[in-house]
Amino acid sequence: MAAAYAFAVRFRLDPDPGVRVDPQSFETRLYRDADDPGDQGWLFFRDNLWRGDLGDPAHFRALTEDALGVPVEAVEYRAFETDAASLDALKAAIGANLDLFNADSTTEVLHKYFGSSIEVRD
């Protein structure tokens, strides 16, 4: 996996009557693989993030519930984790498509959507 979006997720278990869990809520880190630039889904960040936060937390919480199959109490975007080559490819794709972002530069796009939450790993 070259790049992934990382989220903090708090979910709960709703067991059948007569069954209890303690604690009922749990926190975990969820990763969504990033689509390669140019592939369908590569604009995930544009469609879901704004300045390093989720643009529509309620909508994204519902999507996360569908993906996990459990009631989700909260989802928070944490980081875009990537390697240098994947980040370079993303920058090149953004630069070639600035009209999709209503921006004048790749740097502006990265800041507009990711804030300061890009983590480059070796």
C-alpha atoms as a PDB file:
ATOM      1  CA  MET A   1       0.000   0.000   0.000  1.00  0.00           C
ATOM      2  CA  ALA A   2       1.647   3.204  -1.167  1.00  0.00           C
ATOM      3  CA  ALA A   3      -0.933   5.692   0.139  1.00  0.00           C
ATOM      4  CA  ALA A   4      -3.923   5.572   2.473  1.00  0.00           C
ATOM      5  CA  TYR A   5      -6.291   7.872   4.288  1.00  0.00           C
ATOM      6  CA  ALA A   6      -6.306   7.325   8.055  1.00  0.00           C
ATOM      7  CA  PHE A   7      -9.295   8.019  10.290  1.00  0.00           C
ATOM      8  CA  ALA A   8     -10.022   7.741  13.995  1.00  0.00           C
ATOM      9  CA  VAL A   9     -13.295   5.843  14.416  1.00  0.00           C
ATOM     10  CA  ARG A  10     -15.378   5.371  17.542  1.00  0.00           C
ATOM     11  CA  PHE A  11     -17.997   2.652  17.190  1.00  0.00           C
ATOM     12  CA  ARG A  12     -20.269   0.765  19.523  1.00  0.00           C
ATOM     13  CA  LEU A  13     -21.645  -2.700  19.800  1.00  0.00           C
ATOM     14  CA  ASP A  14     -25.375  -3.192  20.185  1.00  0.00           C
ATOM     15  CA  PRO A  15     -25.678  -6.778  21.402  1.00  0.00           C
ATOM     16  CA  ASP A  16     -28.889  -8.762  21.572  1.00  0.00           C
ATOM     17  CA  PRO A  17     -31.067  -8.471  24.697  1.00  0.00           C
ATOM     18  CA  GLY A  18     -29.591 -10.406  27.588  1.00  0.00           C
ATOM     19  CA  VAL A  19     -26.030  -9.851  26.378  1.00  0.00           C
ATOM     20  CA  ARG A  20     -23.800  -7.050  27.671  1.00  0.00           C
ATOM     21  CA  VAL A  21     -20.415  -5.738  26.627  1.00  0.00           C
ATOM     22  CA  ASP A  22     -18.162  -3.490  28.630  1.00  0.00           C
ATOM     23  CA  PRO A  23     -17.054  -1.174  27.266  1.00  0.00           C
ATOM     24  CA  GLN A  24     -19.779  -0.751  24.689  1.00  0.00           C
ATOM     25  CA  SER A  25     -17.795   1.783  22.638  1.00  0.00           C
ATOM     26  CA  PHE A  26     -14.400   1.229  21.065  1.00  0.00           C
ATOM     27  CA  GLU A  27     -11.921   3.386  19.216  1.00  0.00           C
ATOM     28  CA  THR A  28      -9.754   2.231  16.368  1.00  0.00           C
ATOM     29  CA  ARG A  29      -7.854   3.546  13.371  1.00  0.00           C
ATOM     30  CA  LEU A  30      -9.409   2.924   9.976  1.00  0.00           C
ATOM     31  CA  TYR A  31      -7.414   3.076   6.743  1.00  0.00           C
ATOM     32  CA  ARG A  32      -8.829   3.595   3.271  1.00  0.00           C
ATOM     33  CA  ASP A  33      -6.435   2.835   0.423  1.00  0.00           C
ATOM     34  CA  ALA A  34      -5.952   5.839  -1.840  1.00  0.00           C
ATOM     35  CA  ASP A  35      -6.762   5.305  -5.500  1.00  0.00           C
ATOM     36  CA  ASP A  36      -3.942   5.994  -7.920  1.00  0.00           C
ATOM     37  CA  PRO A  37      -4.100   9.463  -9.493  1.00  0.00           C
ATOM     38  CA  GLY A  38      -6.285   9.354 -12.582  1.00  0.00           C
ATOM     39  CA  ASP A  39      -8.146   6.208 -11.487  1.00  0.00           C
ATOM     40  CA  GLN A  40     -11.795   6.356 -10.524  1.00  0.00           C
ATOM     41  CA  GLY A  41     -11.934   7.514  -6.904  1.00  0.00           C
ATOM     42  CA  TRP A  42      -8.656   9.441  -6.923  1.00  0.00           C
ATOM     43  CA  LEU A  43     -10.556  12.637  -6.049  1.00  0.00           C
ATOM     44  CA  PHE A  44     -11.662  11.167  -2.713  1.00  0.00           C
ATOM     45  CA  PHE A  45      -9.802  13.928  -0.869  1.00  0.00           C
ATOM     46  CA  ARG A  46     -11.520  16.662  -2.906  1.00  0.00           C
ATOM     47  CA  ASP A  47     -14.947  15.157  -2.323  1.00  0.00           C
ATOM     48  CA  ASN A  48     -14.567  14.418   1.403  1.00  0.00           C
ATOM     49  CA  LEU A  49     -11.941  16.633   3.019  1.00  0.00           C
ATOM     50  CA  TRP A  50     -11.647  20.340   3.711  1.00  0.00           C
ATOM     51  CA  ARG A  51      -8.630  21.900   5.425  1.00  0.00           C
ATOM     52  CA  GLY A  52      -7.701  18.600   7.039  1.00  0.00           C
ATOM     53  CA  ASP A  53     -11.180  17.786   8.354  1.00  0.00           C
ATOM     54  CA  LEU A  54     -14.146  15.880   6.986  1.00  0.00           C
ATOM     55  CA  GLY A  55     -16.348  18.165   4.922  1.00  0.00           C
ATOM     56  CA  ASP A  56     -19.570  16.351   5.927  1.00  0.00           C
ATOM     57  CA  PRO A  57     -18.996  14.311   9.109  1.00  0.00           C
ATOM     58  CA  ALA A  58     -22.560  12.908   9.266  1.00  0.00           C
ATOM     59  CA  HIS A  59     -22.403  11.612   5.699  1.00  0.00           C
ATOM     60  CA  PHE A  60     -18.967  10.103   6.232  1.00  0.00           C
ATOM     61  CA  ARG A  61     -20.095   8.507   9.498  1.00  0.00           C
ATOM     62  CA  ALA A  62     -22.937   6.816   7.560  1.00  0.00           C
ATOM     63  CA  LEU A  63     -20.487   5.586   4.902  1.00  0.00           C
ATOM     64  CA  THR A  64     -18.244   4.212   7.640  1.00  0.00           C
ATOM     65  CA  GLU A  65     -21.179   2.428   9.291  1.00  0.00           C
ATOM     66  CA  ASP A  66     -21.931   0.755   5.958  1.00  0.00           C
ATOM     67  CA  ALA A  67     -18.289  -0.257   5.514  1.00  0.00           C
ATOM     68  CA  LEU A  68     -17.880  -1.632   9.054  1.00  0.00           C
ATOM     69  CA  GLY A  69     -21.360  -2.982   9.721  1.00  0.00           C
ATOM     70  CA  VAL A  70     -21.558  -1.431  13.189  1.00  0.00           C
ATOM     71  CA  PRO A  71     -23.053   1.794  14.570  1.00  0.00           C
ATOM     72  CA  VAL A  72     -20.404   4.519  14.335  1.00  0.00           C
ATOM     73  CA  GLU A  73     -20.436   7.316  16.887  1.00  0.00           C
ATOM     74  CA  ALA A  74     -17.691   9.472  15.374  1.00  0.00           C
ATOM     75  CA  VAL A  75     -15.159   9.579  12.554  1.00  0.00           C
ATOM     76  CA  GLU A  76     -12.301  12.053  12.374  1.00  0.00           C
ATOM     77  CA  TYR A  77      -9.816  12.387   9.553  1.00  0.00           C
ATOM     78  CA  ARG A  78      -6.250  12.010  10.831  1.00  0.00           C
ATOM     79  CA  ALA A  79      -3.802  11.888   7.934  1.00  0.00           C
ATOM     80  CA  PHE A  80      -2.957  11.025   4.373  1.00  0.00           C
ATOM     81  CA  GLU A  81      -0.151   8.504   4.765  1.00  0.00           C
ATOM     82  CA  THR A  82       1.979   8.093   1.667  1.00  0.00           C
ATOM     83  CA  ASP A  83       5.428   7.464   0.304  1.00  0.00           C
ATOM     84  CA  ALA A  84       7.377  10.088  -1.649  1.00  0.00           C
ATOM     85  CA  ALA A  85       6.736   8.539  -5.073  1.00  0.00           C
ATOM     86  CA  SER A  86       2.963   8.375  -4.517  1.00  0.00           C
ATOM     87  CA  LEU A  87       2.893  11.943  -3.261  1.00  0.00           C
ATOM     88  CA  ASP A  88       4.828  13.075  -6.340  1.00  0.00           C
ATOM     89  CA  ALA A  89       2.314  11.270  -8.583  1.00  0.00           C
ATOM     90  CA  LEU A  90      -0.574  12.922  -6.734  1.00  0.00           C
ATOM     91  CA  LYS A  91       1.029  16.350  -7.094  1.00  0.00           C
ATOM     92  CA  ALA A  92       1.549  15.785 -10.829  1.00  0.00           C
ATOM     93  CA  ALA A  93      -2.089  14.754 -11.307  1.00  0.00           C
ATOM     94  CA  ILE A  94      -3.319  17.740  -9.319  1.00  0.00           C
ATOM     95  CA  GLY A  95      -1.074  20.080 -11.314  1.00  0.00           C
ATOM     96  CA  ALA A  96      -2.444  18.698 -14.581  1.00  0.00           C
ATOM     97  CA  ASN A  97      -6.031  19.181 -13.373  1.00  0.00           C
ATOM     98  CA  LEU A  98      -6.055  22.435 -11.404  1.00  0.00           C
ATOM     99  CA  ASP A  99      -9.414  23.333 -12.952  1.00  0.00           C
ATOM    100  CA  LEU A 100     -11.002  20.517 -10.897  1.00  0.00           C
ATOM    101  CA  PHE A 101      -9.974  22.264  -7.705  1.00  0.00           C
ATOM    102  CA  ASN A 102     -10.614  25.954  -8.349  1.00  0.00           C
ATOM    103  CA  ALA A 103      -7.006  26.626  -7.419  1.00  0.00           C
ATOM    104  CA  ASP A 104      -3.904  28.238  -8.912  1.00  0.00           C
ATOM    105  CA  SER A 105      -1.275  25.782  -7.662  1.00  0.00           C
ATOM    106  CA  THR A 106      -0.717  22.269  -6.412  1.00  0.00           C
ATOM    107  CA  THR A 107       0.393  23.652  -3.055  1.00  0.00           C
ATOM    108  CA  GLU A 108      -2.901  25.527  -2.729  1.00  0.00           C
ATOM    109  CA  VAL A 109      -4.860  22.334  -3.466  1.00  0.00           C
ATOM    110  CA  LEU A 110      -2.919  20.275  -0.934  1.00  0.00           C
ATOM    111  CA  HIS A 111      -3.444  22.890   1.768  1.00  0.00           C
ATOM    112  CA  LYS A 112      -7.096  23.449   0.853  1.00  0.00           C
ATOM    113  CA  TYR A 113      -8.028  19.795   1.254  1.00  0.00           C
ATOM    114  CA  PHE A 114      -5.408  18.148   3.448  1.00  0.00           C
ATOM    115  CA  GLY A 115      -4.445  21.036   5.710  1.00  0.00           C
ATOM    116  CA  SER A 116      -1.162  19.938   7.257  1.00  0.00           C
ATOM    117  CA  SER A 117      -2.132  16.272   7.568  1.00  0.00           C
ATOM    118  CA  ILE A 118       0.098  14.634   4.948  1.00  0.00           C
ATOM    119  CA  GLU A 119       2.570  12.128   6.410  1.00  0.00           C
ATOM    120  CA  VAL A 120       5.331  10.909   4.096  1.00  0.00           C
ATOM    121  CA  ARG A 121       6.800   7.541   5.057  1.00  0.00           C
ATOM    122  CA  ASP A 122       9.890   5.786   3.789  1.00  0.00           C
END
